[in-house]
Protein backbone atom coordinates (compact mmCIF):
# COMPACT_ATOMS: atom_id res chain seq x y z
CA MET A 1 -8.66 7.60 0.31
CA SER A 2 -7.34 4.14 0.87
CA VAL A 3 -5.88 1.82 -1.73
CA HIS A 4 -6.25 -1.95 -1.70
CA LEU A 5 -2.79 -3.44 -2.17
CA PHE A 6 -3.64 -7.12 -1.62
CA THR A 7 -6.17 -8.04 -4.28
CA ARG A 8 -6.39 -11.42 -5.94
CA SER A 9 -8.61 -12.33 -8.86
CA HIS A 10 -9.74 -15.73 -10.05
CA TYR A 11 -6.31 -16.04 -11.71
CA SER A 12 -4.97 -16.95 -8.24
CA LEU A 13 -6.44 -20.42 -8.33
CA LEU A 14 -8.41 -21.28 -5.18
CA ASN A 15 -7.36 -17.95 -3.62
CA GLY A 16 -9.51 -15.40 -5.43
CA LEU A 17 -13.07 -15.47 -6.72
CA MET A 18 -13.68 -12.18 -8.52
CA SER A 19 -12.95 -11.57 -12.18
CA VAL A 20 -10.67 -8.70 -13.11
CA PRO A 21 -13.57 -6.63 -14.56
CA ASP A 22 -15.55 -7.17 -11.33
CA ILE A 23 -12.59 -6.02 -9.23
CA VAL A 24 -12.12 -2.87 -11.32
CA LEU A 25 -15.85 -2.04 -11.38
CA THR A 26 -16.13 -2.57 -7.61
CA ALA A 27 -13.15 -0.28 -7.07
CA LYS A 28 -14.73 2.36 -9.32
CA GLU A 29 -18.09 2.09 -7.51
CA LYS A 30 -16.32 2.62 -4.18
CA GLY A 31 -14.53 5.71 -5.50
CA PHE A 32 -11.02 4.28 -5.75
CA THR A 33 -8.67 5.99 -8.15
CA GLN A 34 -6.11 3.16 -8.00
CA ILE A 35 -5.96 -0.49 -7.01
CA ALA A 36 -3.39 -3.28 -7.03
CA ILE A 37 -3.66 -6.79 -8.36
CA THR A 38 -1.32 -9.12 -6.48
CA GLU A 39 -1.84 -12.66 -7.65
CA HIS A 40 -0.15 -15.47 -5.77
CA ARG A 41 2.98 -16.52 -7.75
CA VAL A 42 1.53 -15.59 -11.16
CA MET A 43 0.93 -12.52 -13.31
CA PHE A 44 -1.59 -13.88 -15.81
CA SER A 45 -4.19 -11.23 -14.94
CA HIS A 46 -2.00 -8.19 -15.50
CA LEU A 47 -2.79 -7.49 -19.16
CA GLU A 48 -6.55 -7.77 -18.59
CA PHE A 49 -6.17 -5.70 -15.42
CA TYR A 50 -4.28 -2.95 -17.25
CA LEU A 51 -6.89 -2.77 -20.02
CA GLU A 52 -9.86 -2.76 -17.61
CA ALA A 53 -8.33 -0.27 -15.19
CA THR A 54 -7.31 2.25 -17.85
CA LYS A 55 -10.75 1.91 -19.49
CA HIS A 56 -12.29 3.05 -16.17
CA ASN A 57 -9.66 5.72 -15.33
CA ILE A 58 -8.22 3.72 -12.45
CA LYS A 59 -4.48 3.57 -11.97
CA PRO A 60 -3.36 -0.08 -12.03
CA ILE A 61 -0.72 -1.13 -9.51
CA PHE A 62 1.01 -4.36 -10.45
CA GLY A 63 2.14 -6.77 -7.79
CA LEU A 64 3.03 -10.33 -6.98
CA GLU A 65 2.42 -12.28 -3.80
CA VAL A 66 5.37 -14.55 -3.03
CA SER A 67 6.32 -17.01 -0.33
CA PHE A 68 9.83 -17.66 0.90
CA ASP A 69 11.44 -18.77 4.11
CA GLY A 70 8.02 -20.08 5.18
CA TRP A 71 6.25 -16.71 5.03
CA THR A 72 4.27 -14.58 2.61
CA SER A 73 5.00 -11.11 1.27
CA THR A 74 3.81 -8.83 -1.48
CA LEU A 75 6.00 -7.07 -4.02
CA LEU A 76 4.66 -4.05 -5.91
CA ALA A 77 6.31 -2.59 -9.00
CA LYS A 78 7.30 1.07 -8.67
CA ASN A 79 8.14 1.35 -12.37
CA ASN A 80 8.79 -0.68 -15.54
CA GLU A 81 12.05 -2.06 -14.17
CA GLY A 82 10.22 -3.29 -11.08
CA TYR A 83 7.58 -4.88 -13.29
CA GLN A 84 10.32 -6.74 -15.16
CA VAL A 85 11.69 -8.01 -11.84
CA LEU A 86 8.20 -9.30 -10.97
CA GLN A 87 8.08 -11.10 -14.32
CA VAL A 88 11.41 -12.81 -13.63
CA LEU A 89 10.30 -13.85 -10.15
CA SER A 90 6.98 -15.18 -11.43
CA TYR A 91 8.81 -17.18 -14.09
CA ARG A 92 11.21 -18.59 -11.47
CA LEU A 93 8.23 -19.60 -9.34
CA SER A 94 6.76 -21.44 -12.33
CA GLN A 95 10.00 -23.42 -12.61
CA GLN A 96 10.77 -24.01 -8.94
CA ASP A 97 8.90 -23.95 -5.64
CA PHE A 98 10.71 -21.07 -3.96
CA ILE A 99 12.59 -17.80 -4.25
CA THR A 100 14.81 -16.10 -1.70
CA LEU A 101 15.20 -12.49 -0.56
CA GLU A 102 18.52 -12.44 -2.39
CA ASP A 103 16.66 -13.05 -5.67
CA PHE A 104 15.31 -9.49 -5.59
CA SER A 105 17.08 -7.57 -2.80
CA ASP A 106 19.28 -5.72 -5.32
CA ALA A 107 16.16 -4.47 -7.16
CA MET A 108 14.52 -2.79 -4.18
CA ASP A 109 14.79 0.67 -5.77
CA ASP A 110 12.20 -0.57 -8.25
CA LEU A 111 9.95 -2.51 -5.84
CA ILE A 112 7.85 -1.94 -2.76
CA PHE A 113 8.25 -4.82 -0.32
CA ILE A 114 5.36 -5.54 2.05
CA VAL A 115 5.82 -8.21 4.72
CA HIS A 116 2.53 -9.74 5.82
CA SER A 117 1.72 -9.97 9.51
CA GLU A 118 -0.67 -12.87 8.91
CA ASN A 119 1.20 -15.80 7.31
CA GLY A 120 4.31 -13.69 7.68
CA PRO A 121 7.43 -13.85 9.83
CA PHE A 122 5.67 -12.26 12.81
CA GLU A 123 2.59 -14.49 13.06
CA ASP A 124 3.96 -17.08 15.51
CA ALA A 125 5.66 -14.47 17.68
CA LEU A 126 2.46 -12.39 17.80
CA SER A 127 0.30 -15.33 18.83
CA GLN A 128 2.86 -16.28 21.50
CA GLU A 129 3.35 -12.63 22.51
CA ASP A 130 7.10 -13.00 21.94
CA TYR A 131 7.80 -9.35 21.19
CA ASP A 132 11.59 -9.73 21.41
CA ASP A 133 11.40 -12.15 18.48
CA ILE A 134 9.43 -9.59 16.48
CA HIS A 135 12.13 -6.97 17.12
CA PHE A 136 14.78 -9.50 16.05
CA LYS A 137 12.92 -10.40 12.84
CA ILE A 138 12.43 -6.75 11.91
CA LEU A 139 16.17 -6.16 12.30
CA GLU A 140 16.93 -9.30 10.31
CA ILE A 141 14.73 -8.16 7.40
CA LYS A 142 16.14 -4.61 7.58
CA ARG A 143 19.64 -6.02 7.19
CA LEU A 144 18.71 -7.37 3.74
CA ILE A 145 16.01 -4.87 2.74
CA PRO A 146 16.34 -1.54 4.56
CA ASN A 147 13.03 -0.12 3.29
CA PHE A 148 10.02 -2.35 3.73
CA TYR A 149 6.46 -2.12 4.95
CA ILE A 150 4.47 -4.40 7.21
CA GLY A 151 0.97 -5.25 6.08
CA LEU A 152 -1.42 -5.61 9.00
CA SER A 153 -4.10 -8.30 9.05
CA HIS A 154 -7.48 -7.18 7.77
CA GLN A 155 -9.42 -9.41 10.16
CA GLU A 156 -12.04 -7.72 12.34
CA SER A 157 -11.75 -9.91 15.44
CA ASN A 158 -10.42 -8.59 18.75
CA PHE A 159 -7.59 -11.13 18.49
CA PHE A 160 -6.23 -9.44 15.35
CA LYS A 161 -7.03 -5.90 16.46
CA ILE A 162 -4.90 -6.35 19.58
CA ARG A 163 -2.05 -7.94 17.60
CA ASN A 164 -2.20 -5.23 14.93
CA GLU A 165 -1.96 -2.53 17.62
CA LYS A 166 1.02 -4.24 19.26
CA LEU A 167 2.79 -4.80 15.94
CA SER A 168 2.19 -1.16 14.97
CA GLN A 169 3.69 -0.05 18.30
CA ILE A 170 6.79 -2.22 17.78
CA VAL A 171 7.24 -0.97 14.22
CA LYS A 172 7.15 2.66 15.42
CA GLU A 173 10.07 1.87 17.73
CA HIS A 174 12.12 0.89 14.66
CA ASN A 175 11.42 4.05 12.65
């Protein structure tokens, strides 16, 4: 069974259309036992999400989509400490336009870090087929955050399928 880890509700202004109850009910109808809410920069939906998910016996996974260094990533809380880190980061993003990897790199035991392929550090290199740059960027991220995941694009076009396959191949070389 798969789990959706990049889900935005209408709390992510102009980035998500579904209400939290609609997201939870859709997940339940599709047989999901867990789902993540990962709003962009904010966590306003999390209380409603927790209440709706537990009401329908779905495990809520709390996350936050953040941008830094010109690219987008998702952070998921592994535990209560990780959730508190997400709260601090969301607050910082309400007060300033950016965060850095250093703002949360010491809390990685409590977070799951997912680097996006689309709108992420690999997007330009993938479109230009600069695979050496992808290797370099993976090593650069590993230096700061040894354990991270790469989220592949969910687009169905051949363009993205080919790039996802190539990125997957490169990632396997680093494991």
